[in-house]
Protein backbone atom coordinates (compact mmCIF):
# COMPACT_ATOMS: atom_id res chain seq x y z
CA MET A 1 0.00 0.00 0.00
CA GLN A 2 2.85 2.36 0.85
CA PHE A 3 4.45 1.65 -2.50
CA LEU A 4 1.20 2.58 -4.28
CA LYS A 5 0.97 5.90 -2.39
CA LYS A 6 4.58 6.75 -3.27
CA ARG A 7 3.90 5.82 -6.90
CA ILE A 8 0.80 8.06 -7.11
CA PHE A 9 2.58 11.00 -5.49
CA SER A 10 5.53 10.61 -7.83
CA LEU A 11 3.14 10.62 -10.79
CA THR A 12 1.40 13.76 -9.58
CA ASP A 13 4.73 15.51 -9.06
CA LYS A 14 6.11 14.34 -12.38
CA PHE A 15 3.11 15.33 -14.54
CA ASN A 16 1.86 18.23 -12.37
CA LEU A 17 -1.61 16.69 -11.92
CA PHE A 18 -4.26 17.67 -9.41
CA LEU A 19 -7.01 15.50 -8.00
CA ILE A 20 -10.29 17.39 -8.36
CA GLY A 21 -13.55 15.61 -7.62
CA GLY A 22 -12.01 12.20 -8.12
CA PHE A 23 -10.47 13.06 -11.50
CA PHE A 24 -6.89 13.88 -12.34
CA VAL A 25 -6.69 17.22 -14.14
CA LYS A 26 -3.62 18.90 -15.62
CA ALA A 27 -2.51 22.21 -14.13
CA ALA A 28 -3.55 25.42 -15.89
CA SER A 29 0.00 26.04 -17.11
CA ASP A 30 -0.05 22.71 -18.96
CA THR A 31 -3.45 23.20 -20.62
CA VAL A 32 -3.81 21.26 -23.84
CA ARG A 33 -6.37 22.50 -26.36
CA VAL A 34 -8.30 19.87 -28.26
CA ASP A 35 -9.09 20.61 -31.88
CA PRO A 36 -12.54 19.14 -32.64
CA GLY A 37 -11.73 18.94 -36.33
CA PRO A 38 -13.85 19.99 -39.28
CA GLN A 39 -16.95 18.17 -38.02
CA GLY A 40 -17.09 20.03 -34.70
CA LEU A 41 -17.93 18.46 -31.37
CA GLY A 42 -20.93 16.53 -32.67
CA PHE A 43 -23.30 18.32 -30.29
CA GLU A 44 -24.23 21.86 -29.31
CA ILE A 45 -23.13 23.10 -25.91
CA PRO A 46 -26.33 24.17 -24.10
CA ASN A 47 -26.72 27.69 -22.83
CA LEU A 48 -28.56 28.81 -19.70
CA SER A 49 -31.96 29.24 -21.37
CA ILE A 50 -31.89 25.69 -22.76
CA LEU A 51 -30.87 24.36 -19.36
CA LEU A 52 -33.68 26.25 -17.57
CA THR A 53 -36.22 25.09 -20.17
CA PHE A 54 -35.14 21.49 -19.58
CA LEU A 55 -35.38 21.90 -15.79
CA ILE A 56 -38.89 23.39 -15.99
CA ARG A 57 -40.16 20.63 -18.28
CA PHE A 58 -38.44 18.00 -16.12
CA PHE A 59 -40.17 19.44 -13.03
CA PHE A 60 -43.61 19.07 -14.61
CA VAL A 61 -42.86 15.51 -15.76
CA LEU A 62 -41.63 14.64 -12.27
CA ALA A 63 -44.74 16.20 -10.70
CA GLY A 64 -47.02 14.22 -13.02
CA LEU A 65 -45.23 10.95 -12.31
CA SER A 66 -45.37 11.64 -8.57
CA ALA A 67 -49.11 12.28 -8.74
CA LEU A 68 -49.60 9.07 -10.72
CA LEU A 69 -47.57 7.01 -8.24
CA TYR A 70 -49.48 8.54 -5.31
CA LEU A 71 -52.75 7.66 -7.07
CA LEU A 72 -51.59 4.07 -7.54
CA TRP A 73 -50.46 3.91 -3.91
CA GLY A 74 -53.89 5.07 -2.73
CA SER A 75 -55.68 2.56 -4.94
CA LEU A 76 -53.41 -0.25 -3.72
CA ASP A 77 -54.15 0.77 -0.12
CA TRP A 78 -57.87 0.65 -0.90
CA ILE A 79 -57.54 -2.84 -2.40
CA ILE A 80 -55.62 -4.26 0.57
CA SER A 81 -57.68 -2.41 3.21
CA GLY A 82 -59.88 -5.45 3.75
CA GLY A 83 -62.99 -3.31 4.13
CA GLU A 84 -61.82 -1.57 7.32
CA LYS A 85 -63.46 1.84 7.39
CA GLU A 86 -60.39 3.74 8.66
CA LYS A 87 -58.04 2.27 6.03
CA VAL A 88 -60.57 2.90 3.25
CA GLU A 89 -60.85 6.56 4.31
CA LYS A 90 -57.05 6.97 4.30
CA ALA A 91 -56.85 5.38 0.84
CA ARG A 92 -59.69 7.57 -0.41
CA SER A 93 -57.85 10.62 0.94
CA LYS A 94 -54.68 9.63 -0.94
CA ILE A 95 -56.63 9.17 -4.17
CA MET A 96 -58.38 12.54 -3.78
CA ASN A 97 -55.08 14.32 -3.06
CA ALA A 98 -53.48 12.73 -6.11
CA LEU A 99 -56.40 13.78 -8.33
CA ILE A 100 -56.23 17.33 -6.95
CA GLY A 101 -52.51 17.33 -7.75
CA VAL A 102 -53.16 16.22 -11.34
CA ILE A 103 -55.80 18.94 -11.73
CA VAL A 104 -53.38 21.58 -10.39
CA ILE A 105 -50.62 20.40 -12.76
CA VAL A 106 -52.94 20.44 -15.79
CA ALA A 107 -54.35 23.86 -14.84
CA THR A 108 -50.87 25.32 -14.39
CA LEU A 109 -49.64 23.94 -17.71
CA SER A 110 -52.79 25.23 -19.46
CA LEU A 111 -52.37 28.69 -17.98
CA ILE A 112 -48.67 28.91 -18.87
CA TRP A 113 -49.31 27.58 -22.40
CA THR A 114 -52.10 30.14 -22.92
CA LEU A 115 -49.85 32.96 -21.72
CA GLU A 116 -47.00 31.88 -23.98
CA GLN A 117 -48.97 31.19 -27.14
CA VAL A 118 -52.03 33.46 -27.03
CA VAL A 119 -51.17 36.44 -24.84
CA PHE A 120 -47.46 36.96 -25.55
CA LYS A 121 -47.34 35.14 -28.94
CA GLU A 122 -43.98 33.52 -28.05
CA ALA A 123 -42.36 36.91 -27.38
CA LEU A 124 -42.08 35.89 -23.73
CA CYS A 125 -41.61 32.19 -23.01
CA PHE A 126 -41.56 30.44 -19.66
CA GLY A 127 -40.19 27.14 -20.98
CA VAL A 128 -43.34 25.03 -21.41
CA SER A 129 -44.37 25.29 -25.07
CA CYS A 130 -41.32 27.17 -26.34
CA ASP A 131 -37.75 27.58 -25.15
CA MET A 132 -37.19 30.12 -22.43
CA LYS A 133 -35.76 33.40 -23.69
CA LEU A 134 -33.34 35.24 -21.43
CA PRO A 135 -32.09 38.76 -22.11
CA VAL A 136 -28.42 39.05 -22.99
CA LEU A 137 -26.06 41.89 -22.15
CA LEU A 138 -23.50 41.28 -24.89
CA LYS A 139 -24.28 40.21 -28.42
CA LYS A 140 -21.84 38.45 -30.74
CA THR A 141 -20.75 40.55 -33.68
């Protein structure tokens, strides 16, 4: 084990490497630039508006899946309640809460979609039906 530690430290000294987040990274003075070639990187690097649009859409998908799972949990509780009044009421409460959650999600999405498409005509987007648009301070020339 001691030999391995000495070997790692000698490697880090020799190649001037730093351990950051579990990865070895070269020091800034030894930065190597990678030329992507004529075909580019093969993907577009996302900007902040694309990232925020993804996060908003992901939130609504996660909320819908959570409401669906809570609805299934309530229905399963109702099935295995065995007819006991208290357990049936708890299961019914779960099902009602899940349905209220679905209604709130659908109403929110409908309101945001209406604002984006009808009221603002995609001049102002919140990230539901069109990509979010953020103001920029500097424009490329």
